[in-house]
PDB file of N, CA and C in Angstrom:
ATOM      1  N   MET A   1      25.384   9.636 -14.613  1.00  0.00           N
ATOM      2  CA  MET A   1      25.240   8.986 -13.363  1.00  0.00           C
ATOM      3  C   MET A   1      25.225   7.467 -13.564  1.00  0.00           C
ATOM      4  N   SER A   2      25.845   6.703 -12.720  1.00  0.00           N
ATOM      5  CA  SER A   2      26.052   5.253 -12.880  1.00  0.00           C
ATOM      6  C   SER A   2      25.338   4.551 -11.637  1.00  0.00           C
ATOM      7  N   THR A   3      24.968   3.417 -11.751  1.00  0.00           N
ATOM      8  CA  THR A   3      24.459   2.603 -10.639  1.00  0.00           C
ATOM      9  C   THR A   3      25.492   1.340 -10.506  1.00  0.00           C
ATOM     10  N   VAL A   4      25.801   1.127  -9.235  1.00  0.00           N
ATOM     11  CA  VAL A   4      26.676   0.028  -8.987  1.00  0.00           C
ATOM     12  C   VAL A   4      25.870  -0.666  -7.682  1.00  0.00           C
ATOM     13  N   ARG A   5      25.716  -2.008  -7.902  1.00  0.00           N
ATOM     14  CA  ARG A   5      24.984  -2.796  -6.825  1.00  0.00           C
ATOM     15  C   ARG A   5      25.989  -3.689  -6.106  1.00  0.00           C
ATOM     16  N   LEU A   6      25.960  -3.770  -4.753  1.00  0.00           N
ATOM     17  CA  LEU A   6      26.802  -4.489  -4.105  1.00  0.00           C
ATOM     18  C   LEU A   6      25.874  -5.406  -3.172  1.00  0.00           C
ATOM     19  N   VAL A   7      26.428  -6.711  -2.950  1.00  0.00           N
ATOM     20  CA  VAL A   7      25.837  -7.516  -1.945  1.00  0.00           C
ATOM     21  C   VAL A   7      27.022  -7.540  -0.914  1.00  0.00           C
ATOM     22  N   VAL A   8      26.660  -7.160   0.368  1.00  0.00           N
ATOM     23  CA  VAL A   8      27.525  -7.089   1.414  1.00  0.00           C
ATOM     24  C   VAL A   8      27.056  -7.638   2.688  1.00  0.00           C
ATOM     25  N   ASN A   9      28.005  -8.213   3.502  1.00  0.00           N
ATOM     26  CA  ASN A   9      27.519  -8.821   4.705  1.00  0.00           C
ATOM     27  C   ASN A   9      27.273  -7.850   5.923  1.00  0.00           C
ATOM     28  N   ASP A  10      27.769  -6.658   5.763  1.00  0.00           N
ATOM     29  CA  ASP A  10      27.614  -5.659   6.820  1.00  0.00           C
ATOM     30  C   ASP A  10      27.146  -4.284   6.155  1.00  0.00           C
ATOM     31  N   PRO A  11      25.767  -4.298   5.891  1.00  0.00           N
ATOM     32  CA  PRO A  11      25.212  -3.055   5.240  1.00  0.00           C
ATOM     33  C   PRO A  11      25.587  -1.706   5.888  1.00  0.00           C
ATOM     34  N   GLN A  12      25.558  -1.630   7.192  1.00  0.00           N
ATOM     35  CA  GLN A  12      25.863  -0.546   7.866  1.00  0.00           C
ATOM     36  C   GLN A  12      27.295   0.012   7.708  1.00  0.00           C
ATOM     37  N   LYS A  13      28.178  -0.935   7.967  1.00  0.00           N
ATOM     38  CA  LYS A  13      29.587  -0.519   7.534  1.00  0.00           C
ATOM     39  C   LYS A  13      29.825  -0.062   6.144  1.00  0.00           C
ATOM     40  N   ALA A  14      29.160  -0.717   5.169  1.00  0.00           N
ATOM     41  CA  ALA A  14      29.347  -0.326   3.832  1.00  0.00           C
ATOM     42  C   ALA A  14      28.637   1.049   3.562  1.00  0.00           C
ATOM     43  N   VAL A  15      27.581   1.333   4.184  1.00  0.00           N
ATOM     44  CA  VAL A  15      26.932   2.623   4.169  1.00  0.00           C
ATOM     45  C   VAL A  15      27.950   3.783   4.644  1.00  0.00           C
ATOM     46  N   SER A  16      28.495   3.367   5.860  1.00  0.00           N
ATOM     47  CA  SER A  16      29.427   4.272   6.452  1.00  0.00           C
ATOM     48  C   SER A  16      30.598   4.570   5.597  1.00  0.00           C
ATOM     49  N   VAL A  17      31.162   3.618   4.958  1.00  0.00           N
ATOM     50  CA  VAL A  17      32.407   3.738   4.147  1.00  0.00           C
ATOM     51  C   VAL A  17      32.024   4.461   2.872  1.00  0.00           C
ATOM     52  N   LEU A  18      30.970   4.157   2.235  1.00  0.00           N
ATOM     53  CA  LEU A  18      30.535   4.988   1.028  1.00  0.00           C
ATOM     54  C   LEU A  18      30.246   6.341   1.252  1.00  0.00           C
ATOM     55  N   LYS A  19      29.450   6.596   2.353  1.00  0.00           N
ATOM     56  CA  LYS A  19      29.167   7.951   2.774  1.00  0.00           C
ATOM     57  C   LYS A  19      30.465   8.843   3.015  1.00  0.00           C
ATOM     58  N   SER A  20      31.390   8.121   3.649  1.00  0.00           N
ATOM     59  CA  SER A  20      32.519   8.915   3.891  1.00  0.00           C
ATOM     60  C   SER A  20      33.355   9.467   2.559  1.00  0.00           C
ATOM     61  N   PHE A  21      33.060   8.673   1.607  1.00  0.00           N
ATOM     62  CA  PHE A  21      33.578   9.158   0.183  1.00  0.00           C
ATOM     63  C   PHE A  21      32.506   9.966  -0.637  1.00  0.00           C
ATOM     64  N   HIS A  22      31.404  10.419  -0.010  1.00  0.00           N
ATOM     65  CA  HIS A  22      30.417  11.203  -0.570  1.00  0.00           C
ATOM     66  C   HIS A  22      29.616  10.568  -1.573  1.00  0.00           C
ATOM     67  N   PHE A  23      29.508   9.269  -1.577  1.00  0.00           N
ATOM     68  CA  PHE A  23      28.665   8.622  -2.639  1.00  0.00           C
ATOM     69  C   PHE A  23      27.257   8.765  -2.236  1.00  0.00           C
ATOM     70  N   ASN A  24      26.336   8.939  -3.225  1.00  0.00           N
ATOM     71  CA  ASN A  24      24.891   8.964  -3.033  1.00  0.00           C
ATOM     72  C   ASN A  24      24.599   7.384  -3.023  1.00  0.00           C
ATOM     73  N   LEU A  25      23.721   7.036  -2.154  1.00  0.00           N
ATOM     74  CA  LEU A  25      23.356   5.609  -2.026  1.00  0.00           C
ATOM     75  C   LEU A  25      21.975   5.298  -1.623  1.00  0.00           C
ATOM     76  N   GLU A  26      21.672   4.041  -1.903  1.00  0.00           N
ATOM     77  CA  GLU A  26      20.292   3.642  -1.469  1.00  0.00           C
ATOM     78  C   GLU A  26      20.535   2.155  -1.119  1.00  0.00           C
ATOM     79  N   VAL A  27      20.005   1.725   0.034  1.00  0.00           N
ATOM     80  CA  VAL A  27      20.108   0.413   0.629  1.00  0.00           C
ATOM     81  C   VAL A  27      18.881  -0.393   0.154  1.00  0.00           C
ATOM     82  N   SER A  28      18.938  -1.432  -0.376  1.00  0.00           N
ATOM     83  CA  SER A  28      17.846  -2.136  -0.864  1.00  0.00           C
ATOM     84  C   SER A  28      17.943  -3.679  -0.398  1.00  0.00           C
ATOM     85  N   THR A  29      16.851  -4.239   0.068  1.00  0.00           N
ATOM     86  CA  THR A  29      16.930  -5.700   0.434  1.00  0.00           C
ATOM     87  C   THR A  29      16.695  -6.510  -0.893  1.00  0.00           C
ATOM     88  N   VAL A  30      17.495  -7.508  -0.996  1.00  0.00           N
ATOM     89  CA  VAL A  30      17.292  -8.402  -2.210  1.00  0.00           C
ATOM     90  C   VAL A  30      17.047  -9.877  -1.756  1.00  0.00           C
ATOM     91  N   LEU A  31      16.709 -10.825  -2.703  1.00  0.00           N
ATOM     92  CA  LEU A  31      16.549 -12.126  -2.380  1.00  0.00           C
ATOM     93  C   LEU A  31      17.664 -12.907  -3.016  1.00  0.00           C
ATOM     94  N   ALA A  32      18.226 -13.853  -2.343  1.00  0.00           N
ATOM     95  CA  ALA A  32      19.216 -14.831  -2.861  1.00  0.00           C
ATOM     96  C   ALA A  32      18.582 -16.179  -3.017  1.00  0.00           C
ATOM     97  N   VAL A  33      18.406 -16.722  -4.194  1.00  0.00           N
ATOM     98  CA  VAL A  33      17.781 -18.071  -4.301  1.00  0.00           C
ATOM     99  C   VAL A  33      18.509 -18.956  -5.153  1.00  0.00           C
ATOM    100  N   GLU A  34      18.449 -20.272  -5.005  1.00  0.00           N
ATOM    101  CA  GLU A  34      18.987 -21.218  -5.961  1.00  0.00           C
ATOM    102  C   GLU A  34      18.140 -21.616  -7.089  1.00  0.00           C
ATOM    103  N   VAL A  35      18.604 -21.608  -8.203  1.00  0.00           N
ATOM    104  CA  VAL A  35      17.838 -21.888  -9.428  1.00  0.00           C
ATOM    105  C   VAL A  35      17.806 -23.511  -9.465  1.00  0.00           C
ATOM    106  N   PRO A  36      16.589 -24.071  -9.599  1.00  0.00           N
ATOM    107  CA  PRO A  36      16.554 -25.537  -9.603  1.00  0.00           C
ATOM    108  C   PRO A  36      17.316 -26.060 -10.698  1.00  0.00           C
ATOM    109  N   PHE A  37      17.998 -27.141 -10.516  1.00  0.00           N
ATOM    110  CA  PHE A  37      18.866 -27.759 -11.519  1.00  0.00           C
ATOM    111  C   PHE A  37      18.208 -28.558 -12.449  1.00  0.00           C
ATOM    112  N   HIS A  38      17.457 -28.068 -13.303  1.00  0.00           N
ATOM    113  CA  HIS A  38      16.826 -28.862 -14.346  1.00  0.00           C
ATOM    114  C   HIS A  38      16.364 -27.754 -15.476  1.00  0.00           C
ATOM    115  N   PRO A  39      16.192 -28.402 -16.742  1.00  0.00           N
ATOM    116  CA  PRO A  39      15.803 -27.551 -17.827  1.00  0.00           C
ATOM    117  C   PRO A  39      14.631 -26.643 -17.421  1.00  0.00           C
ATOM    118  N   ALA A  40      14.672 -25.324 -17.694  1.00  0.00           N
ATOM    119  CA  ALA A  40      13.600 -24.327 -17.466  1.00  0.00           C
ATOM    120  C   ALA A  40      13.665 -24.045 -15.997  1.00  0.00           C
ATOM    121  N   GLY A  41      14.800 -24.375 -15.356  1.00  0.00           N
ATOM    122  CA  GLY A  41      14.810 -23.908 -13.846  1.00  0.00           C
ATOM    123  C   GLY A  41      14.478 -22.505 -13.527  1.00  0.00           C
ATOM    124  N   MET A  42      14.894 -21.545 -14.341  1.00  0.00           N
ATOM    125  CA  MET A  42      14.571 -20.157 -14.199  1.00  0.00           C
ATOM    126  C   MET A  42      13.077 -20.003 -14.297  1.00  0.00           C
ATOM    127  N   ASN A  43      12.442 -20.757 -14.891  1.00  0.00           N
ATOM    128  CA  ASN A  43      10.896 -20.547 -14.954  1.00  0.00           C
ATOM    129  C   ASN A  43      10.262 -20.861 -13.603  1.00  0.00           C
ATOM    130  N   ALA A  44      11.012 -21.667 -12.905  1.00  0.00           N
ATOM    131  CA  ALA A  44      10.490 -22.069 -11.525  1.00  0.00           C
ATOM    132  C   ALA A  44      10.461 -20.811 -10.637  1.00  0.00           C
ATOM    133  N   ILE A  45      11.340 -19.822 -10.900  1.00  0.00           N
ATOM    134  CA  ILE A  45      11.382 -18.603 -10.157  1.00  0.00           C
ATOM    135  C   ILE A  45      10.626 -17.553 -10.747  1.00  0.00           C
ATOM    136  N   VAL A  46      10.890 -17.235 -12.002  1.00  0.00           N
ATOM    137  CA  VAL A  46      10.235 -16.083 -12.751  1.00  0.00           C
ATOM    138  C   VAL A  46       8.775 -16.252 -12.950  1.00  0.00           C
ATOM    139  N   LYS A  47       8.242 -17.490 -13.308  1.00  0.00           N
ATOM    140  CA  LYS A  47       6.834 -17.612 -13.577  1.00  0.00           C
ATOM    141  C   LYS A  47       5.902 -17.412 -12.394  1.00  0.00           C
ATOM    142  N   PRO A  48       6.233 -17.956 -11.223  1.00  0.00           N
ATOM    143  CA  PRO A  48       5.421 -17.563 -10.026  1.00  0.00           C
ATOM    144  C   PRO A  48       5.327 -16.230  -9.705  1.00  0.00           C
ATOM    145  N   LEU A  49       6.426 -15.480  -9.839  1.00  0.00           N
ATOM    146  CA  LEU A  49       6.571 -14.004  -9.553  1.00  0.00           C
ATOM    147  C   LEU A  49       5.615 -13.289 -10.507  1.00  0.00           C
ATOM    148  N   ARG A  50       5.795 -13.692 -11.799  1.00  0.00           N
ATOM    149  CA  ARG A  50       4.891 -12.942 -12.819  1.00  0.00           C
ATOM    150  C   ARG A  50       3.430 -13.288 -12.557  1.00  0.00           C
ATOM    151  N   ASN A  51       3.092 -14.482 -12.138  1.00  0.00           N
ATOM    152  CA  ASN A  51       1.698 -14.735 -11.921  1.00  0.00           C
ATOM    153  C   ASN A  51       1.099 -14.084 -10.771  1.00  0.00           C
ATOM    154  N   ALA A  52       2.032 -13.808  -9.687  1.00  0.00           N
ATOM    155  CA  ALA A  52       1.638 -13.026  -8.662  1.00  0.00           C
ATOM    156  C   ALA A  52       1.687 -11.425  -8.730  1.00  0.00           C
ATOM    157  N   GLU A  53       1.959 -11.059 -10.088  1.00  0.00           N
ATOM    158  CA  GLU A  53       2.178  -9.751 -10.328  1.00  0.00           C
ATOM    159  C   GLU A  53       3.252  -8.976  -9.497  1.00  0.00           C
ATOM    160  N   ILE A  54       4.369  -9.616  -9.362  1.00  0.00           N
ATOM    161  CA  ILE A  54       5.513  -9.151  -8.720  1.00  0.00           C
ATOM    162  C   ILE A  54       6.530  -8.652  -9.741  1.00  0.00           C
ATOM    163  N   ASN A  55       6.949  -7.475  -9.709  1.00  0.00           N
ATOM    164  CA  ASN A  55       7.898  -7.040 -10.770  1.00  0.00           C
ATOM    165  C   ASN A  55       9.309  -7.235 -10.254  1.00  0.00           C
ATOM    166  N   ILE A  56      10.031  -7.945 -11.341  1.00  0.00           N
ATOM    167  CA  ILE A  56      11.443  -7.990 -11.165  1.00  0.00           C
ATOM    168  C   ILE A  56      12.139  -6.715 -11.641  1.00  0.00           C
ATOM    169  N   HIS A  57      12.867  -6.139 -10.799  1.00  0.00           N
ATOM    170  CA  HIS A  57      13.682  -4.998 -11.262  1.00  0.00           C
ATOM    171  C   HIS A  57      15.030  -5.359 -11.862  1.00  0.00           C
ATOM    172  N   TYR A  58      15.540  -6.314 -11.295  1.00  0.00           N
ATOM    173  CA  TYR A  58      16.923  -6.868 -11.765  1.00  0.00           C
ATOM    174  C   TYR A  58      17.197  -8.337 -11.325  1.00  0.00           C
ATOM    175  N   ILE A  59      18.112  -8.947 -12.098  1.00  0.00           N
ATOM    176  CA  ILE A  59      18.571 -10.278 -11.589  1.00  0.00           C
ATOM    177  C   ILE A  59      20.030 -10.390 -11.846  1.00  0.00           C
ATOM    178  N   TYR A  60      20.758 -10.802 -10.887  1.00  0.00           N
ATOM    179  CA  TYR A  60      22.179 -11.021 -11.080  1.00  0.00           C
ATOM    180  C   TYR A  60      22.414 -12.509 -10.758  1.00  0.00           C
ATOM    181  N   THR A  61      23.349 -13.204 -11.555  1.00  0.00           N
ATOM    182  CA  THR A  61      23.640 -14.461 -11.048  1.00  0.00           C
ATOM    183  C   THR A  61      24.954 -14.609 -10.631  1.00  0.00           C
ATOM    184  N   THR A  62      25.241 -15.662  -9.740  1.00  0.00           N
ATOM    185  CA  THR A  62      26.597 -15.922  -9.465  1.00  0.00           C
ATOM    186  C   THR A  62      27.156 -16.933 -10.290  1.00  0.00           C
ATOM    187  N   ILE A  63      28.534 -17.186 -10.145  1.00  0.00           N
ATOM    188  CA  ILE A  63      29.176 -18.151 -10.786  1.00  0.00           C
ATOM    189  C   ILE A  63      28.612 -19.604 -10.403  1.00  0.00           C
ATOM    190  N   ASP A  64      28.416 -20.474 -11.406  1.00  0.00           N
ATOM    191  CA  ASP A  64      27.940 -21.736 -10.953  1.00  0.00           C
ATOM    192  C   ASP A  64      28.938 -22.406 -10.092  1.00  0.00           C
ATOM    193  N   ARG A  65      28.226 -23.142  -8.996  1.00  0.00           N
ATOM    194  CA  ARG A  65      29.066 -23.715  -7.955  1.00  0.00           C
ATOM    195  C   ARG A  65      29.225 -25.152  -8.189  1.00  0.00           C
ATOM    196  N   LEU A  66      30.012 -25.588  -9.103  1.00  0.00           N
ATOM    197  CA  LEU A  66      30.361 -26.841  -9.478  1.00  0.00           C
ATOM    198  C   LEU A  66      29.443 -28.023  -8.833  1.00  0.00           C
ATOM    199  N   GLY A  67      28.493 -28.348  -9.678  1.00  0.00           N
ATOM    200  CA  GLY A  67      27.681 -29.501  -9.183  1.00  0.00           C
ATOM    201  C   GLY A  67      26.419 -29.000  -8.313  1.00  0.00           C
ATOM    202  N   LYS A  68      26.338 -27.725  -7.960  1.00  0.00           N
ATOM    203  CA  LYS A  68      25.298 -27.160  -7.132  1.00  0.00           C
ATOM    204  C   LYS A  68      24.515 -26.244  -8.207  1.00  0.00           C
ATOM    205  N   GLU A  69      23.404 -25.707  -7.633  1.00  0.00           N
ATOM    206  CA  GLU A  69      22.511 -24.814  -8.307  1.00  0.00           C
ATOM    207  C   GLU A  69      23.311 -23.427  -8.419  1.00  0.00           C
ATOM    208  N   THR A  70      22.906 -22.673  -9.460  1.00  0.00           N
ATOM    209  CA  THR A  70      23.363 -21.223  -9.606  1.00  0.00           C
ATOM    210  C   THR A  70      22.514 -20.514  -8.659  1.00  0.00           C
ATOM    211  N   ILE A  71      23.065 -19.488  -8.021  1.00  0.00           N
ATOM    212  CA  ILE A  71      22.327 -18.532  -7.201  1.00  0.00           C
ATOM    213  C   ILE A  71      21.982 -17.268  -8.045  1.00  0.00           C
ATOM    214  N   LEU A  72      20.774 -16.860  -7.830  1.00  0.00           N
ATOM    215  CA  LEU A  72      20.375 -15.578  -8.276  1.00  0.00           C
ATOM    216  C   LEU A  72      20.199 -14.534  -7.144  1.00  0.00           C
ATOM    217  N   ILE A  73      20.461 -13.335  -7.541  1.00  0.00           N
ATOM    218  CA  ILE A  73      20.160 -12.178  -6.605  1.00  0.00           C
ATOM    219  C   ILE A  73      18.989 -11.471  -7.362  1.00  0.00           C
ATOM    220  N   LEU A  74      17.867 -11.354  -6.737  1.00  0.00           N
ATOM    221  CA  LEU A  74      16.765 -10.722  -7.268  1.00  0.00           C
ATOM    222  C   LEU A  74      16.413  -9.437  -6.479  1.00  0.00           C
ATOM    223  N   GLY A  75      16.155  -8.530  -7.351  1.00  0.00           N
ATOM    224  CA  GLY A  75      15.689  -7.198  -6.807  1.00  0.00           C
ATOM    225  C   GLY A  75      14.197  -7.143  -7.381  1.00  0.00           C
ATOM    226  N   VAL A  76      13.189  -7.138  -6.329  1.00  0.00           N
ATOM    227  CA  VAL A  76      11.749  -7.097  -6.675  1.00  0.00           C
ATOM    228  C   VAL A  76      11.083  -5.974  -5.945  1.00  0.00           C
ATOM    229  N   ASP A  77       9.776  -5.726  -6.514  1.00  0.00           N
ATOM    230  CA  ASP A  77       9.076  -4.546  -5.909  1.00  0.00           C
ATOM    231  C   ASP A  77       8.250  -4.939  -4.681  1.00  0.00           C
ATOM    232  N   LYS A  78       7.988  -6.169  -4.485  1.00  0.00           N
ATOM    233  CA  LYS A  78       7.260  -6.602  -3.279  1.00  0.00           C
ATOM    234  C   LYS A  78       7.925  -7.759  -2.733  1.00  0.00           C
ATOM    235  N   ILE A  79       9.064  -7.393  -1.873  1.00  0.00           N
ATOM    236  CA  ILE A  79       9.872  -8.382  -1.346  1.00  0.00           C
ATOM    237  C   ILE A  79       9.212  -9.502  -0.502  1.00  0.00           C
ATOM    238  N   ASP A  80       8.416  -9.019   0.492  1.00  0.00           N
ATOM    239  CA  ASP A  80       7.694 -10.023   1.398  1.00  0.00           C
ATOM    240  C   ASP A  80       6.749 -10.930   0.481  1.00  0.00           C
ATOM    241  N   GLU A  81       6.033 -10.432  -0.309  1.00  0.00           N
ATOM    242  CA  GLU A  81       5.126 -11.268  -1.105  1.00  0.00           C
ATOM    243  C   GLU A  81       6.039 -12.229  -2.017  1.00  0.00           C
ATOM    244  N   ALA A  82       7.115 -11.710  -2.692  1.00  0.00           N
ATOM    245  CA  ALA A  82       7.996 -12.594  -3.400  1.00  0.00           C
ATOM    246  C   ALA A  82       8.525 -13.694  -2.585  1.00  0.00           C
ATOM    247  N   THR A  83       8.967 -13.421  -1.412  1.00  0.00           N
ATOM    248  CA  THR A  83       9.441 -14.555  -0.444  1.00  0.00           C
ATOM    249  C   THR A  83       8.376 -15.609  -0.368  1.00  0.00           C
ATOM    250  N   GLU A  84       7.169 -15.249   0.080  1.00  0.00           N
ATOM    251  CA  GLU A  84       6.040 -16.106   0.260  1.00  0.00           C
ATOM    252  C   GLU A  84       5.771 -16.885  -0.970  1.00  0.00           C
ATOM    253  N   VAL A  85       5.622 -16.280  -2.151  1.00  0.00           N
ATOM    254  CA  VAL A  85       5.376 -16.992  -3.451  1.00  0.00           C
ATOM    255  C   VAL A  85       6.560 -18.044  -3.688  1.00  0.00           C
ATOM    256  N   LEU A  86       7.717 -17.605  -3.582  1.00  0.00           N
ATOM    257  CA  LEU A  86       8.842 -18.535  -3.888  1.00  0.00           C
ATOM    258  C   LEU A  86       8.851 -19.662  -2.815  1.00  0.00           C
ATOM    259  N   LYS A  87       8.642 -19.441  -1.636  1.00  0.00           N
ATOM    260  CA  LYS A  87       8.573 -20.459  -0.617  1.00  0.00           C
ATOM    261  C   LYS A  87       7.507 -21.529  -0.935  1.00  0.00           C
ATOM    262  N   GLN A  88       6.248 -21.034  -1.515  1.00  0.00           N
ATOM    263  CA  GLN A  88       5.254 -21.819  -1.814  1.00  0.00           C
ATOM    264  C   GLN A  88       5.484 -22.687  -3.049  1.00  0.00           C
ATOM    265  N   HIS A  89       6.503 -22.247  -3.707  1.00  0.00           N
ATOM    266  CA  HIS A  89       7.010 -23.121  -4.990  1.00  0.00           C
ATOM    267  C   HIS A  89       8.302 -23.869  -4.735  1.00  0.00           C
ATOM    268  N   TRP A  90       8.634 -24.021  -3.439  1.00  0.00           N
ATOM    269  CA  TRP A  90       9.800 -24.930  -3.023  1.00  0.00           C
ATOM    270  C   TRP A  90      11.092 -24.436  -3.466  1.00  0.00           C
ATOM    271  N   ILE A  91      11.144 -23.060  -3.674  1.00  0.00           N
ATOM    272  CA  ILE A  91      12.524 -22.539  -4.041  1.00  0.00           C
ATOM    273  C   ILE A  91      13.367 -22.314  -2.826  1.00  0.00           C
ATOM    274  N   ASN A  92      14.681 -22.693  -2.875  1.00  0.00           N
ATOM    275  CA  ASN A  92      15.591 -22.604  -1.819  1.00  0.00           C
ATOM    276  C   ASN A  92      16.201 -21.249  -1.717  1.00  0.00           C
ATOM    277  N   PHE A  93      16.123 -20.602  -0.570  1.00  0.00           N
ATOM    278  CA  PHE A  93      16.783 -19.402  -0.348  1.00  0.00           C
ATOM    279  C   PHE A  93      18.123 -19.613   0.420  1.00  0.00           C
ATOM    280  N   VAL A  94      19.096 -18.796  -0.143  1.00  0.00           N
ATOM    281  CA  VAL A  94      20.472 -18.910   0.260  1.00  0.00           C
ATOM    282  C   VAL A  94      20.738 -18.358   1.605  1.00  0.00           C
ATOM    283  N   GLY A  95      20.156 -17.168   1.859  1.00  0.00           N
ATOM    284  CA  GLY A  95      20.289 -16.456   3.169  1.00  0.00           C
ATOM    285  C   GLY A  95      21.841 -16.018   3.372  1.00  0.00           C
ATOM    286  N   ASP A  96      22.242 -15.987   4.532  1.00  0.00           N
ATOM    287  CA  ASP A  96      23.523 -15.544   5.007  1.00  0.00           C
ATOM    288  C   ASP A  96      24.664 -16.405   4.320  1.00  0.00           C
ATOM    289  N   LYS A  97      24.390 -17.696   3.859  1.00  0.00           N
ATOM    290  CA  LYS A  97      25.412 -18.489   3.160  1.00  0.00           C
ATOM    291  C   LYS A  97      26.030 -17.668   1.971  1.00  0.00           C
ATOM    292  N   ILE A  98      25.288 -16.749   1.432  1.00  0.00           N
ATOM    293  CA  ILE A  98      25.850 -16.010   0.308  1.00  0.00           C
ATOM    294  C   ILE A  98      27.182 -15.381   0.441  1.00  0.00           C
ATOM    295  N   TYR A  99      27.369 -15.036   1.782  1.00  0.00           N
ATOM    296  CA  TYR A  99      28.680 -14.367   2.038  1.00  0.00           C
ATOM    297  C   TYR A  99      29.870 -15.206   2.275  1.00  0.00           C
ATOM    298  N   SER A 100      29.644 -16.562   2.298  1.00  0.00           N
ATOM    299  CA  SER A 100      30.834 -17.421   2.359  1.00  0.00           C
ATOM    300  C   SER A 100      31.092 -18.134   0.929  1.00  0.00           C
ATOM    301  N   LEU A 101      30.505 -17.903  -0.078  1.00  0.00           N
ATOM    302  CA  LEU A 101      30.706 -18.520  -1.272  1.00  0.00           C
ATOM    303  C   LEU A 101      32.116 -18.196  -1.932  1.00  0.00           C
TER     304      LEU A 101
END
């Protein structure tokens, strides 16, 4: 068995298409955040989550956007808490802009 993760702009359509091909699937909400552009920028994201006892199940990165911060896709166990913790630490969320990169 394999796992394939997709970030899609229309989850309902993606579910419909994948089910039509008899794929087993699970829909999960993820966070898309910008890594601060400085040494140890990753720590600005990972350390507050660790301190809040929020588990990171997976992290995917996008291609660096020339002169802008790298975007991370985070799968965490407590998404609402993770959102609040990262906001308190001034982490920028990408939101729907992720679909137009």
